[in-house]
Amino acid sequence: MERLEKKNIKGKTYYYYSKWEKVNGKCKRVWQKYLGSPENILKTFENNEPTTPQYVEIFQHGLPSVLWDECSHADIITHVNSLCQKRSQGFACRRVYCYCCNQSCHKATK
């Protein structure tokens, strides 16, 4: 779970963007990113000049859903099932395809 955190350090307010996960049954902070003081954040948004970020972190929470919607729109499951006949036991071809789509969304795909 991601959240915006406000911290008071030596009487000044600073903001952080952090990610929390359950580790050994307890909620722990996995990482955090310093955003700055309210004044610096305001300067960043008021500055009309476009800035180039040093790096970009992409969150792909909706990728499996998008892949499923595109497969449904293109009617791929019907095509896969027509080409691969289902045996009397085991996974249906569409389940294997969905599994592959889901695995393609993870960085640790083997």
Protein backbone atom coordinates (compact mmCIF):
# COMPACT_ATOMS: atom_id res chain seq x y z
CA MET A 1 0.00 0.00 0.00
CA GLU A 2 1.37 3.41 -0.92
CA ARG A 3 0.78 6.54 1.11
CA LEU A 4 1.79 10.15 1.52
CA GLU A 5 3.41 10.76 4.90
CA LYS A 6 3.89 14.04 6.73
CA LYS A 7 6.82 14.22 9.18
CA ASN A 8 7.75 16.99 11.60
CA ILE A 9 11.52 17.19 12.02
CA LYS A 10 12.96 19.93 14.26
CA GLY A 11 9.76 21.94 13.91
CA LYS A 12 9.67 21.80 10.09
CA THR A 13 7.20 19.78 8.00
CA TYR A 14 8.43 17.41 5.30
CA TYR A 15 6.53 15.04 3.02
CA TYR A 16 7.47 11.54 1.91
CA TYR A 17 5.89 9.06 -0.49
CA SER A 18 6.24 5.55 0.94
CA LYS A 19 5.26 1.95 0.21
CA TRP A 20 4.19 -0.41 2.98
CA GLU A 21 3.84 -4.21 2.91
CA LYS A 22 3.18 -6.98 5.41
CA VAL A 23 6.44 -8.62 6.48
CA ASN A 24 6.17 -11.55 8.89
CA GLY A 25 2.60 -10.52 9.71
CA LYS A 26 3.50 -6.92 10.55
CA CYS A 27 3.10 -3.82 8.42
CA LYS A 28 6.56 -2.46 7.50
CA ARG A 29 7.78 0.35 5.29
CA VAL A 30 9.50 -1.14 2.23
CA TRP A 31 10.74 2.13 0.70
CA GLN A 32 10.18 5.86 0.88
CA LYS A 33 10.91 8.82 -1.37
CA TYR A 34 11.54 12.32 -0.05
CA LEU A 35 9.23 14.89 -1.68
CA GLY A 36 10.32 17.98 0.24
CA SER A 37 8.84 20.77 2.27
CA PRO A 38 5.48 22.30 1.31
CA GLU A 39 7.30 25.38 -0.05
CA ASN A 40 9.53 23.30 -2.33
CA ILE A 41 6.60 21.21 -3.54
CA LEU A 42 4.66 24.40 -4.33
CA LYS A 43 7.67 25.86 -6.22
CA THR A 44 7.85 22.69 -8.29
CA PHE A 45 4.21 22.95 -9.36
CA GLU A 46 4.25 26.72 -9.90
CA ASN A 47 7.34 26.56 -12.10
CA ASN A 48 6.09 26.83 -15.69
CA GLU A 49 9.29 25.48 -17.22
CA PRO A 50 9.13 21.77 -18.04
CA THR A 51 11.62 19.73 -16.08
CA THR A 52 13.14 16.41 -17.05
CA PRO A 53 13.08 13.85 -14.25
CA GLN A 54 16.30 12.03 -13.39
CA TYR A 55 14.47 8.71 -13.50
CA VAL A 56 10.91 7.42 -13.77
CA GLU A 57 9.33 4.58 -11.83
CA ILE A 58 6.40 2.97 -13.64
CA PHE A 59 3.62 1.30 -11.69
CA GLN A 60 1.77 -1.39 -13.67
CA HIS A 61 -1.12 -2.20 -11.36
CA GLY A 62 -3.69 -2.24 -14.18
CA LEU A 63 -1.67 -4.12 -16.82
CA PRO A 64 -3.31 -7.56 -16.31
CA SER A 65 -6.74 -5.94 -16.56
CA VAL A 66 -5.79 -4.10 -19.74
CA LEU A 67 -4.39 -7.29 -21.28
CA TRP A 68 -7.60 -9.16 -20.42
CA ASP A 69 -9.76 -6.36 -21.92
CA GLU A 70 -7.72 -6.35 -25.13
CA CYS A 71 -7.89 -10.16 -25.39
CA SER A 72 -11.65 -10.05 -24.88
CA HIS A 73 -12.04 -7.26 -27.44
CA ALA A 74 -9.99 -9.16 -30.05
CA ASP A 75 -11.83 -12.42 -29.19
CA ILE A 76 -8.48 -14.20 -28.76
CA ILE A 77 -9.82 -16.79 -26.31
CA THR A 78 -12.29 -18.11 -28.91
CA HIS A 79 -9.48 -18.38 -31.46
CA VAL A 80 -7.16 -20.14 -29.01
CA ASN A 81 -9.90 -22.59 -28.01
CA SER A 82 -10.71 -23.35 -31.66
CA LEU A 83 -7.06 -24.14 -32.40
CA CYS A 84 -6.36 -26.11 -29.21
CA GLN A 85 -8.97 -28.67 -28.30
CA LYS A 86 -9.48 -29.11 -24.56
CA ARG A 87 -8.69 -32.53 -23.16
CA SER A 88 -10.91 -34.16 -20.58
CA GLN A 89 -8.56 -33.16 -17.75
CA GLY A 90 -6.17 -30.31 -17.05
CA PHE A 91 -6.29 -26.61 -17.76
CA ALA A 92 -8.33 -25.11 -20.54
CA CYS A 93 -6.23 -23.24 -23.11
CA ARG A 94 -7.76 -19.92 -22.06
CA ARG A 95 -6.54 -20.45 -18.50
CA VAL A 96 -3.02 -21.12 -19.72
CA TYR A 97 -3.20 -17.99 -21.87
CA CYS A 98 -4.44 -15.90 -18.94
CA TYR A 99 -1.66 -17.33 -16.78
CA CYS A 100 0.91 -16.31 -19.41
CA CYS A 101 -0.54 -12.79 -19.60
CA ASN A 102 -0.40 -12.48 -15.84
CA GLN A 103 3.20 -13.72 -15.72
CA SER A 104 4.25 -11.26 -18.42
CA CYS A 105 3.33 -8.41 -16.07
CA HIS A 106 5.91 -9.40 -13.46
CA LYS A 107 9.59 -8.48 -13.65
CA ALA A 108 10.66 -11.89 -12.33
CA THR A 109 9.21 -13.84 -15.27
CA LYS A 110 11.37 -16.86 -16.10
